[in-house]
Amino acid sequence: IRIGDRDVTHVDPADRDIAMVFQTYALYPHMTVAANMG
């Protein structure tokens, strides 16, 4: 799997520069909207 010219097949998820949006929103209930987003 490549993103641009970079082979990310075995790259750590945190280093792929990808943002996930899931079916469950997984928001932190004790944080405000602004704190959740940031």
Full PDB file with SEQRES, HELIX, SHEET, SSBOND, CRYST1, ORIGX, SCALE, CONECT and MASTER records, all heavy atoms in Angstrom:
SEQRES   1 A   38  ILE ARG ILE GLY ASP ARG ASP VAL THR HIS VAL ASP PRO          
SEQRES   2 A   38  ALA ASP ARG ASP ILE ALA MET VAL PHE GLN THR TYR ALA          
SEQRES   3 A   38  LEU TYR PRO HIS MET THR VAL ALA ALA ASN MET GLY              
HELIX    1 AA1 PRO A   13  ASP A   15  5                                   3    
HELIX    2 AA2 VAL A   33  MET A   37  1                                   5    
SHEET    1 AA1 2 ARG A   2  ILE A   3  0                                        
SHEET    2 AA1 2 ARG A   6  ASP A   7 -1                                        
CRYST1    1.000    1.000    1.000  90.00  90.00  90.00 P 1           1          
ORIGX1      1.000000  0.000000  0.000000        0.00000                         
ORIGX2      0.000000  1.000000  0.000000        0.00000                         
ORIGX3      0.000000  0.000000  1.000000        0.00000                         
SCALE1      1.000000  0.000000  0.000000        0.00000                         
SCALE2      0.000000  1.000000  0.000000        0.00000                         
SCALE3      0.000000  0.000000  1.000000        0.00000                         
ATOM      1  N   ILE A   1       0.868  -1.176   0.000  1.00  0.00           N  
ATOM      2  CA  ILE A   1       0.000   0.000   0.000  1.00  0.00           C  
ATOM      3  C   ILE A   1       0.904   1.225   0.000  1.00  0.00           C  
ATOM      4  O   ILE A   1       1.843   1.311   0.798  1.00  0.00           O  
ATOM      5  CB  ILE A   1      -0.943   0.012   1.220  1.00  0.00           C  
ATOM      6  CG1 ILE A   1      -1.913  -1.178   1.152  1.00  0.00           C  
ATOM      7  CG2 ILE A   1      -1.722   1.326   1.284  1.00  0.00           C  
ATOM      8  CD1 ILE A   1      -2.834  -1.313   2.351  1.00  0.00           C  
ATOM      9  N   ARG A   2       0.614   2.149  -0.910  1.00  0.00           N  
ATOM     10  CA  ARG A   2       1.412   3.380  -0.993  1.00  0.00           C  
ATOM     11  C   ARG A   2       0.507   4.596  -0.851  1.00  0.00           C  
ATOM     12  O   ARG A   2      -0.606   4.616  -1.380  1.00  0.00           O  
ATOM     13  CB  ARG A   2       2.177   3.452  -2.324  1.00  0.00           C  
ATOM     14  CG  ARG A   2       3.310   2.445  -2.438  1.00  0.00           C  
ATOM     15  CD  ARG A   2       4.165   2.667  -3.677  1.00  0.00           C  
ATOM     16  NE  ARG A   2       3.428   2.354  -4.895  1.00  0.00           N  
ATOM     17  CZ  ARG A   2       3.281   1.120  -5.395  1.00  0.00           C  
ATOM     18  NH1 ARG A   2       3.809   0.081  -4.765  1.00  0.00           N  
ATOM     19  NH2 ARG A   2       2.604   0.917  -6.503  1.00  0.00           N  
ATOM     20  N   ILE A   3       1.014   5.597  -0.137  1.00  0.00           N  
ATOM     21  CA  ILE A   3       0.353   6.907  -0.070  1.00  0.00           C  
ATOM     22  C   ILE A   3       1.313   7.878  -0.745  1.00  0.00           C  
ATOM     23  O   ILE A   3       2.430   8.093  -0.260  1.00  0.00           O  
ATOM     24  CB  ILE A   3       0.068   7.322   1.379  1.00  0.00           C  
ATOM     25  CG1 ILE A   3      -0.913   6.334   2.029  1.00  0.00           C  
ATOM     26  CG2 ILE A   3      -0.510   8.741   1.420  1.00  0.00           C  
ATOM     27  CD1 ILE A   3      -1.179   6.581   3.498  1.00  0.00           C  
ATOM     28  N   GLY A   4       0.881   8.423  -1.877  1.00  0.00           N  
ATOM     29  CA  GLY A   4       1.815   9.194  -2.703  1.00  0.00           C  
ATOM     30  C   GLY A   4       2.899   8.243  -3.192  1.00  0.00           C  
ATOM     31  O   GLY A   4       2.621   7.125  -3.644  1.00  0.00           O  
ATOM     32  N   ASP A   5       4.162   8.648  -3.059  1.00  0.00           N  
ATOM     33  CA  ASP A   5       5.281   7.789  -3.473  1.00  0.00           C  
ATOM     34  C   ASP A   5       5.799   6.921  -2.327  1.00  0.00           C  
ATOM     35  O   ASP A   5       6.769   6.177  -2.492  1.00  0.00           O  
ATOM     36  CB  ASP A   5       6.441   8.662  -3.997  1.00  0.00           C  
ATOM     37  CG  ASP A   5       6.039   9.429  -5.245  1.00  0.00           C  
ATOM     38  OD1 ASP A   5       5.193   8.904  -5.999  1.00  0.00           O  
ATOM     39  OD2 ASP A   5       6.546  10.552  -5.456  1.00  0.00           O  
ATOM     40  N   ARG A   6       5.185   7.031  -1.166  1.00  0.00           N  
ATOM     41  CA  ARG A   6       5.720   6.389   0.039  1.00  0.00           C  
ATOM     42  C   ARG A   6       5.039   5.050   0.296  1.00  0.00           C  
ATOM     43  O   ARG A   6       3.816   4.965   0.370  1.00  0.00           O  
ATOM     44  CB  ARG A   6       5.496   7.348   1.211  1.00  0.00           C  
ATOM     45  CG  ARG A   6       6.055   6.898   2.537  1.00  0.00           C  
ATOM     46  CD  ARG A   6       5.790   7.996   3.575  1.00  0.00           C  
ATOM     47  NE  ARG A   6       6.151   7.554   4.913  1.00  0.00           N  
ATOM     48  CZ  ARG A   6       5.405   7.757   5.989  1.00  0.00           C  
ATOM     49  NH1 ARG A   6       4.250   8.400   5.885  1.00  0.00           N  
ATOM     50  NH2 ARG A   6       5.810   7.346   7.166  1.00  0.00           N  
ATOM     51  N   ASP A   7       5.848   4.002   0.424  1.00  0.00           N  
ATOM     52  CA  ASP A   7       5.320   2.682   0.754  1.00  0.00           C  
ATOM     53  C   ASP A   7       5.036   2.651   2.262  1.00  0.00           C  
ATOM     54  O   ASP A   7       5.947   2.763   3.077  1.00  0.00           O  
ATOM     55  CB  ASP A   7       6.347   1.602   0.390  1.00  0.00           C  
ATOM     56  CG  ASP A   7       5.760   0.188   0.496  1.00  0.00           C  
ATOM     57  OD1 ASP A   7       4.899  -0.035   1.373  1.00  0.00           O  
ATOM     58  OD2 ASP A   7       6.167  -0.688  -0.291  1.00  0.00           O  
ATOM     59  N   VAL A   8       3.744   2.528   2.609  1.00  0.00           N  
ATOM     60  CA  VAL A   8       3.361   2.551   4.032  1.00  0.00           C  
ATOM     61  C   VAL A   8       2.939   1.168   4.529  1.00  0.00           C  
ATOM     62  O   VAL A   8       2.378   1.051   5.615  1.00  0.00           O  
ATOM     63  CB  VAL A   8       2.216   3.572   4.290  1.00  0.00           C  
ATOM     64  CG1 VAL A   8       2.655   4.983   3.958  1.00  0.00           C  
ATOM     65  CG2 VAL A   8       0.944   3.194   3.515  1.00  0.00           C  
ATOM     66  N   THR A   9       3.223   0.136   3.734  1.00  0.00           N  
ATOM     67  CA  THR A   9       2.754  -1.221   4.052  1.00  0.00           C  
ATOM     68  C   THR A   9       3.055  -1.615   5.494  1.00  0.00           C  
ATOM     69  O   THR A   9       2.222  -2.227   6.171  1.00  0.00           O  
ATOM     70  CB  THR A   9       3.398  -2.246   3.088  1.00  0.00           C  
ATOM     71  OG1 THR A   9       3.204  -1.785   1.745  1.00  0.00           O  
ATOM     72  CG2 THR A   9       2.774  -3.620   3.250  1.00  0.00           C  
ATOM     73  N   HIS A  10       4.249  -1.260   5.972  1.00  0.00           N  
ATOM     74  CA  HIS A  10       4.641  -1.664   7.328  1.00  0.00           C  
ATOM     75  C   HIS A  10       4.926  -0.455   8.227  1.00  0.00           C  
ATOM     76  O   HIS A  10       5.619  -0.580   9.233  1.00  0.00           O  
ATOM     77  CB  HIS A  10       5.863  -2.589   7.259  1.00  0.00           C  
ATOM     78  CG  HIS A  10       5.633  -3.798   6.402  1.00  0.00           C  
ATOM     79  ND1 HIS A  10       4.707  -4.774   6.716  1.00  0.00           N  
ATOM     80  CD2 HIS A  10       6.177  -4.161   5.213  1.00  0.00           C  
ATOM     81  CE1 HIS A  10       4.698  -5.699   5.764  1.00  0.00           C  
ATOM     82  NE2 HIS A  10       5.581  -5.350   4.845  1.00  0.00           N  
ATOM     83  N   VAL A  11       4.366   0.701   7.850  1.00  0.00           N  
ATOM     84  CA  VAL A  11       4.573   1.926   8.636  1.00  0.00           C  
ATOM     85  C   VAL A  11       3.556   1.973   9.777  1.00  0.00           C  
ATOM     86  O   VAL A  11       2.394   1.586   9.623  1.00  0.00           O  
ATOM     87  CB  VAL A  11       4.437   3.175   7.720  1.00  0.00           C  
ATOM     88  CG1 VAL A  11       4.390   4.466   8.531  1.00  0.00           C  
ATOM     89  CG2 VAL A  11       5.585   3.213   6.719  1.00  0.00           C  
ATOM     90  N   ASP A  12       3.985   2.448  10.927  1.00  0.00           N  
ATOM     91  CA  ASP A  12       3.109   2.587  12.093  1.00  0.00           C  
ATOM     92  C   ASP A  12       1.907   3.473  11.757  1.00  0.00           C  
ATOM     93  O   ASP A  12       2.060   4.476  11.060  1.00  0.00           O  
ATOM     94  CB  ASP A  12       3.925   3.206  13.241  1.00  0.00           C  
ATOM     95  CG  ASP A  12       3.166   3.149  14.552  1.00  0.00           C  
ATOM     96  OD1 ASP A  12       3.179   2.098  15.203  1.00  0.00           O  
ATOM     97  OD2 ASP A  12       2.555   4.170  14.901  1.00  0.00           O  
ATOM     98  N   PRO A  13       0.704   3.132  12.254  1.00  0.00           N  
ATOM     99  CA  PRO A  13      -0.496   3.944  11.945  1.00  0.00           C  
ATOM    100  C   PRO A  13      -0.309   5.425  12.255  1.00  0.00           C  
ATOM    101  O   PRO A  13      -0.771   6.286  11.487  1.00  0.00           O  
ATOM    102  CB  PRO A  13      -1.576   3.332  12.843  1.00  0.00           C  
ATOM    103  CG  PRO A  13      -1.138   1.942  13.105  1.00  0.00           C  
ATOM    104  CD  PRO A  13       0.357   1.944  13.077  1.00  0.00           C  
ATOM    105  N   ALA A  14       0.360   5.746  13.348  1.00  0.00           N  
ATOM    106  CA  ALA A  14       0.535   7.147  13.758  1.00  0.00           C  
ATOM    107  C   ALA A  14       1.385   7.934  12.772  1.00  0.00           C  
ATOM    108  O   ALA A  14       1.335   9.165  12.739  1.00  0.00           O  
ATOM    109  CB  ALA A  14       1.165   7.205  15.145  1.00  0.00           C  
ATOM    110  N   ASP A  15       2.167   7.225  11.940  1.00  0.00           N  
ATOM    111  CA  ASP A  15       3.079   7.905  11.005  1.00  0.00           C  
ATOM    112  C   ASP A  15       2.557   7.915   9.572  1.00  0.00           C  
ATOM    113  O   ASP A  15       3.305   8.208   8.641  1.00  0.00           O  
ATOM    114  CB  ASP A  15       4.465   7.228  11.047  1.00  0.00           C  
ATOM    115  CG  ASP A  15       5.101   7.324  12.424  1.00  0.00           C  
ATOM    116  OD1 ASP A  15       4.881   8.355  13.088  1.00  0.00           O  
ATOM    117  OD2 ASP A  15       5.788   6.363  12.845  1.00  0.00           O  
ATOM    118  N   ARG A  16       1.281   7.592   9.384  1.00  0.00           N  
ATOM    119  CA  ARG A  16       0.736   7.531   8.017  1.00  0.00           C  
ATOM    120  C   ARG A  16       0.022   8.817   7.599  1.00  0.00           C  
ATOM    121  O   ARG A  16      -0.391   8.937   6.447  1.00  0.00           O  
ATOM    122  CB  ARG A  16      -0.227   6.345   7.880  1.00  0.00           C  
ATOM    123  CG  ARG A  16       0.469   5.012   8.040  1.00  0.00           C  
ATOM    124  CD  ARG A  16      -0.401   3.853   7.617  1.00  0.00           C  
ATOM    125  NE  ARG A  16       0.254   2.585   7.906  1.00  0.00           N  
ATOM    126  CZ  ARG A  16      -0.062   1.425   7.350  1.00  0.00           C  
ATOM    127  NH1 ARG A  16      -1.048   1.366   6.481  1.00  0.00           N  
ATOM    128  NH2 ARG A  16       0.581   0.324   7.667  1.00  0.00           N  
ATOM    129  N   ASP A  17      -0.191   9.733   8.535  1.00  0.00           N  
ATOM    130  CA  ASP A  17      -0.889  11.001   8.242  1.00  0.00           C  
ATOM    131  C   ASP A  17      -2.299  10.751   7.700  1.00  0.00           C  
ATOM    132  O   ASP A  17      -2.711  11.295   6.674  1.00  0.00           O  
ATOM    133  CB  ASP A  17      -0.072  11.854   7.266  1.00  0.00           C  
ATOM    134  CG  ASP A  17      -0.479  13.331   7.330  1.00  0.00           C  
ATOM    135  OD1 ASP A  17      -1.247  13.698   8.241  1.00  0.00           O  
ATOM    136  OD2 ASP A  17      -0.045  14.101   6.467  1.00  0.00           O  
ATOM    137  N   ILE A  18      -3.007   9.890   8.430  1.00  0.00           N  
ATOM    138  CA  ILE A  18      -4.393   9.535   8.080  1.00  0.00           C  
ATOM    139  C   ILE A  18      -5.284   9.887   9.256  1.00  0.00           C  
ATOM    140  O   ILE A  18      -4.916   9.677  10.406  1.00  0.00           O  
ATOM    141  CB  ILE A  18      -4.494   8.023   7.785  1.00  0.00           C  
ATOM    142  CG1 ILE A  18      -3.908   7.721   6.402  1.00  0.00           C  
ATOM    143  CG2 ILE A  18      -5.931   7.520   7.875  1.00  0.00           C  
ATOM    144  CD1 ILE A  18      -3.828   6.247   6.094  1.00  0.00           C  
ATOM    145  N   ALA A  19      -6.469  10.426   8.968  1.00  0.00           N  
ATOM    146  CA  ALA A  19      -7.469  10.665  10.017  1.00  0.00           C  
ATOM    147  C   ALA A  19      -8.666   9.758   9.767  1.00  0.00           C  
ATOM    148  O   ALA A  19      -9.195   9.710   8.659  1.00  0.00           O  
ATOM    149  CB  ALA A  19      -7.901  12.127  10.027  1.00  0.00           C  
ATOM    150  N   MET A  20      -9.068   9.032  10.810  1.00  0.00           N  
ATOM    151  CA  MET A  20     -10.186   8.096  10.706  1.00  0.00           C  
ATOM    152  C   MET A  20     -11.462   8.721  11.268  1.00  0.00           C  
ATOM    153  O   MET A  20     -11.421   9.420  12.275  1.00  0.00           O  
ATOM    154  CB  MET A  20      -9.903   6.826  11.516  1.00  0.00           C  
ATOM    155  CG  MET A  20      -8.861   5.888  10.951  1.00  0.00           C  
ATOM    156  SD  MET A  20      -9.424   4.856   9.576  1.00  0.00           S  
ATOM    157  CE  MET A  20     -10.639   3.775  10.306  1.00  0.00           C  
ATOM    158  N   VAL A  21     -12.581   8.452  10.598  1.00  0.00           N  
ATOM    159  CA  VAL A  21     -13.902   8.775  11.149  1.00  0.00           C  
ATOM    160  C   VAL A  21     -14.679   7.466  11.186  1.00  0.00           C  
ATOM    161  O   VAL A  21     -14.898   6.833  10.156  1.00  0.00           O  
ATOM    162  CB  VAL A  21     -14.646   9.822  10.287  1.00  0.00           C  
ATOM    163  CG1 VAL A  21     -15.991  10.165  10.919  1.00  0.00           C  
ATOM    164  CG2 VAL A  21     -13.819  11.080  10.107  1.00  0.00           C  
ATOM    165  N   PHE A  22     -15.080   7.055  12.396  1.00  0.00           N  
ATOM    166  CA  PHE A  22     -15.701   5.751  12.577  1.00  0.00           C  
ATOM    167  C   PHE A  22     -17.222   5.864  12.662  1.00  0.00           C  
ATOM    168  O   PHE A  22     -17.789   6.941  12.818  1.00  0.00           O  
ATOM    169  CB  PHE A  22     -15.189   5.080  13.858  1.00  0.00           C  
ATOM    170  CG  PHE A  22     -13.738   4.707  13.820  1.00  0.00           C  
ATOM    171  CD1 PHE A  22     -12.778   5.502  14.442  1.00  0.00           C  
ATOM    172  CD2 PHE A  22     -13.305   3.558  13.167  1.00  0.00           C  
ATOM    173  CE1 PHE A  22     -11.438   5.164  14.418  1.00  0.00           C  
ATOM    174  CE2 PHE A  22     -11.970   3.199  13.137  1.00  0.00           C  
ATOM    175  CZ  PHE A  22     -11.030   3.997  13.765  1.00  0.00           C  
ATOM    176  N   GLN A  23     -17.857   4.685  12.636  1.00  0.00           N  
ATOM    177  CA  GLN A  23     -19.306   4.584  12.826  1.00  0.00           C  
ATOM    178  C   GLN A  23     -19.679   5.082  14.227  1.00  0.00           C  
ATOM    179  O   GLN A  23     -20.663   5.791  14.413  1.00  0.00           O  
ATOM    180  CB  GLN A  23     -19.689   3.116  12.653  1.00  0.00           C  
ATOM    181  CG  GLN A  23     -21.151   2.817  12.840  1.00  0.00           C  
ATOM    182  CD  GLN A  23     -21.422   1.336  12.578  1.00  0.00           C  
ATOM    183  OE1 GLN A  23     -20.594   0.630  12.020  1.00  0.00           O  
ATOM    184  NE2 GLN A  23     -22.585   0.881  12.984  1.00  0.00           N  
ATOM    185  N   THR A  24     -18.894   4.695  15.235  1.00  0.00           N  
ATOM    186  CA  THR A  24     -19.104   5.221  16.585  1.00  0.00           C  
ATOM    187  C   THR A  24     -18.227   6.460  16.722  1.00  0.00           C  
ATOM    188  O   THR A  24     -17.059   6.434  16.330  1.00  0.00           O  
ATOM    189  CB  THR A  24     -18.691   4.186  17.646  1.00  0.00           C  
ATOM    190  OG1 THR A  24     -17.372   3.728  17.339  1.00  0.00           O  
ATOM    191  CG2 THR A  24     -19.635   2.998  17.644  1.00  0.00           C  
ATOM    192  N   TYR A  25     -18.767   7.516  17.259  1.00  0.00           N  
ATOM    193  CA  TYR A  25     -18.059   8.807  17.232  1.00  0.00           C  
ATOM    194  C   TYR A  25     -16.928   8.846  18.241  1.00  0.00           C  
ATOM    195  O   TYR A  25     -15.983   9.625  18.077  1.00  0.00           O  
ATOM    196  CB  TYR A  25     -19.052   9.956  17.474  1.00  0.00           C  
ATOM    197  CG  TYR A  25     -20.326   9.792  16.681  1.00  0.00           C  
ATOM    198  CD1 TYR A  25     -21.576   9.936  17.275  1.00  0.00           C  
ATOM    199  CD2 TYR A  25     -20.280   9.439  15.336  1.00  0.00           C  
ATOM    200  CE1 TYR A  25     -22.742   9.748  16.539  1.00  0.00           C  
ATOM    201  CE2 TYR A  25     -21.424   9.249  14.599  1.00  0.00           C  
ATOM    202  CZ  TYR A  25     -22.652   9.406  15.209  1.00  0.00           C  
ATOM    203  OH  TYR A  25     -23.795   9.215  14.480  1.00  0.00           O  
ATOM    204  N   ALA A  26     -17.004   8.000  19.301  1.00  0.00           N  
ATOM    205  CA  ALA A  26     -15.929   7.882  20.294  1.00  0.00           C  
ATOM    206  C   ALA A  26     -15.477   9.243  20.817  1.00  0.00           C  
ATOM    207  O   ALA A  26     -14.291   9.533  20.884  1.00  0.00           O  
ATOM    208  CB  ALA A  26     -14.750   7.113  19.690  1.00  0.00           C  
ATOM    209  N   LEU A  27     -16.441  10.085  21.174  1.00  0.00           N  
ATOM    210  CA  LEU A  27     -16.109  11.390  21.759  1.00  0.00           C  
ATOM    211  C   LEU A  27     -15.882  11.225  23.261  1.00  0.00           C  
ATOM    212  O   LEU A  27     -16.500  10.373  23.904  1.00  0.00           O  
ATOM    213  CB  LEU A  27     -17.246  12.389  21.505  1.00  0.00           C  
ATOM    214  CG  LEU A  27     -17.617  12.625  20.029  1.00  0.00           C  
ATOM    215  CD1 LEU A  27     -18.802  13.582  19.941  1.00  0.00           C  
ATOM    216  CD2 LEU A  27     -16.442  13.163  19.234  1.00  0.00           C  
ATOM    217  N   TYR A  28     -15.003  12.046  23.807  1.00  0.00           N  
ATOM    218  CA  TYR A  28     -14.769  12.017  25.252  1.00  0.00           C  
ATOM    219  C   TYR A  28     -15.904  12.764  25.956  1.00  0.00           C  
ATOM    220  O   TYR A  28     -16.076  13.972  25.732  1.00  0.00           O  
ATOM    221  CB  TYR A  28     -13.424  12.665  25.581  1.00  0.00           C  
ATOM    222  CG  TYR A  28     -12.251  11.923  24.980  1.00  0.00           C  
ATOM    223  CD1 TYR A  28     -11.551  12.444  23.899  1.00  0.00           C  
ATOM    224  CD2 TYR A  28     -11.858  10.691  25.500  1.00  0.00           C  
ATOM    225  CE1 TYR A  28     -10.477  11.759  23.344  1.00  0.00           C  
ATOM    226  CE2 TYR A  28     -10.785   9.994  24.945  1.00  0.00           C  
ATOM    227  CZ  TYR A  28     -10.096  10.534  23.870  1.00  0.00           C  
ATOM    228  OH  TYR A  28      -9.046   9.846  23.320  1.00  0.00           O  
ATOM    229  N   PRO A  29     -16.704  12.077  26.794  1.00  0.00           N  
ATOM    230  CA  PRO A  29     -17.905  12.704  27.361  1.00  0.00           C  
ATOM    231  C   PRO A  29     -17.603  13.862  28.316  1.00  0.00           C  
ATOM    232  O   PRO A  29     -18.423  14.782  28.449  1.00  0.00           O  
ATOM    233  CB  PRO A  29     -18.600  11.555  28.103  1.00  0.00           C  
ATOM    234  CG  PRO A  29     -17.549  10.525  28.322  1.00  0.00           C  
ATOM    235  CD  PRO A  29     -16.567  10.674  27.204  1.00  0.00           C  
ATOM    236  N   HIS A  30     -16.426  13.844  28.946  1.00  0.00           N  
ATOM    237  CA  HIS A  30     -16.112  14.886  29.940  1.00  0.00           C  
ATOM    238  C   HIS A  30     -15.498  16.134  29.299  1.00  0.00           C  
ATOM    239  O   HIS A  30     -15.281  17.126  29.973  1.00  0.00           O  
ATOM    240  CB  HIS A  30     -15.150  14.318  31.003  1.00  0.00           C  
ATOM    241  CG  HIS A  30     -13.840  13.879  30.432  1.00  0.00           C  
ATOM    242  ND1 HIS A  30     -13.716  12.715  29.703  1.00  0.00           N  
ATOM    243  CD2 HIS A  30     -12.607  14.449  30.459  1.00  0.00           C  
ATOM    244  CE1 HIS A  30     -12.459  12.575  29.315  1.00  0.00           C  
ATOM    245  NE2 HIS A  30     -11.764  13.614  29.759  1.00  0.00           N  
ATOM    246  N   MET A  31     -15.220  16.072  27.994  1.00  0.00           N  
ATOM    247  CA  MET A  31     -14.600  17.219  27.308  1.00  0.00           C  
ATOM    248  C   MET A  31     -15.632  17.981  26.498  1.00  0.00           C  
ATOM    249  O   MET A  31     -16.598  17.407  25.998  1.00  0.00           O  
ATOM    250  CB  MET A  31     -13.511  16.726  26.335  1.00  0.00           C  
ATOM    251  CG  MET A  31     -12.279  16.157  26.972  1.00  0.00           C  
ATOM    252  SD  MET A  31     -11.093  15.794  25.642  1.00  0.00           S  
ATOM    253  CE  MET A  31      -9.840  14.922  26.571  1.00  0.00           C  
ATOM    254  N   THR A  32     -15.378  19.268  26.321  1.00  0.00           N  
ATOM    255  CA  THR A  32     -16.238  20.080  25.450  1.00  0.00           C  
ATOM    256  C   THR A  32     -16.002  19.679  23.993  1.00  0.00           C  
ATOM    257  O   THR A  32     -15.042  18.967  23.671  1.00  0.00           O  
ATOM    258  CB  THR A  32     -15.906  21.573  25.594  1.00  0.00           C  
ATOM    259  OG1 THR A  32     -14.558  21.776  25.153  1.00  0.00           O  
ATOM    260  CG2 THR A  32     -16.098  22.063  27.012  1.00  0.00           C  
ATOM    261  N   VAL A  33     -16.869  20.185  23.126  1.00  0.00           N  
ATOM    262  CA  VAL A  33     -16.710  19.960  21.680  1.00  0.00           C  
ATOM    263  C   VAL A  33     -15.339  20.460  21.216  1.00  0.00           C  
ATOM    264  O   VAL A  33     -14.612  19.764  20.494  1.00  0.00           O  
ATOM    265  CB  VAL A  33     -17.843  20.668  20.908  1.00  0.00           C  
ATOM    266  CG1 VAL A  33     -17.527  20.771  19.419  1.00  0.00           C  
ATOM    267  CG2 VAL A  33     -19.169  19.934  21.129  1.00  0.00           C  
ATOM    268  N   ALA A  34     -14.965  21.655  21.650  1.00  0.00           N  
ATOM    269  CA  ALA A  34     -13.676  22.227  21.241  1.00  0.00           C  
ATOM    270  C   ALA A  34     -12.512  21.348  21.699  1.00  0.00           C  
ATOM    271  O   ALA A  34     -11.575  21.080  20.929  1.00  0.00           O  
ATOM    272  CB  ALA A  34     -13.521  23.637  21.802  1.00  0.00           C  
ATOM    273  N   ALA A  35     -12.584  20.854  22.935  1.00  0.00           N  
ATOM    274  CA  ALA A  35     -11.509  20.010  23.465  1.00  0.00           C  
ATOM    275  C   ALA A  35     -11.450  18.675  22.736  1.00  0.00           C  
ATOM    276  O   ALA A  35     -10.367  18.158  22.449  1.00  0.00           O  
ATOM    277  CB  ALA A  35     -11.704  19.791  24.960  1.00  0.00           C  
ATOM    278  N   ASN A  36     -12.613  18.114  22.410  1.00  0.00           N  
ATOM    279  CA  ASN A  36     -12.657  16.876  21.636  1.00  0.00           C  
ATOM    280  C   ASN A  36     -12.008  17.069  20.263  1.00  0.00           C  
ATOM    281  O   ASN A  36     -11.215  16.235  19.819  1.00  0.00           O  
ATOM    282  CB  ASN A  36     -14.106  16.410  21.443  1.00  0.00           C  
ATOM    283  CG  ASN A  36     -14.542  15.384  22.477  1.00  0.00           C  
ATOM    284  OD1 ASN A  36     -14.134  14.234  22.444  1.00  0.00           O  
ATOM    285  ND2 ASN A  36     -15.377  15.840  23.425  1.00  0.00           N  
ATOM    286  N   MET A  37     -12.360  18.172  19.604  1.00  0.00           N  
ATOM    287  CA  MET A  37     -11.843  18.411  18.251  1.00  0.00           C  
ATOM    288  C   MET A  37     -10.328  18.655  18.260  1.00  0.00           C  
ATOM    289  O   MET A  37      -9.622  18.252  17.338  1.00  0.00           O  
ATOM    290  CB  MET A  37     -12.577  19.589  17.607  1.00  0.00           C  
ATOM    291  CG  MET A  37     -13.986  19.226  17.158  1.00  0.00           C  
ATOM    292  SD  MET A  37     -15.011  20.643  16.694  1.00  0.00           S  
ATOM    293  CE  MET A  37     -14.149  21.281  15.264  1.00  0.00           C  
ATOM    294  N   GLY A  38      -9.832  19.275  19.299  1.00  0.00           N  
ATOM    295  CA  GLY A  38      -8.414  19.623  19.336  1.00  0.00           C  
ATOM    296  C   GLY A  38      -7.528  18.636  20.074  1.00  0.00           C  
ATOM    297  O   GLY A  38      -6.305  18.838  20.174  1.00  0.00           O  
TER     298      GLY A  38                                                      
MASTER        0    0    0    2    2    0    0    6  297    1    0    3          
END                                                                             
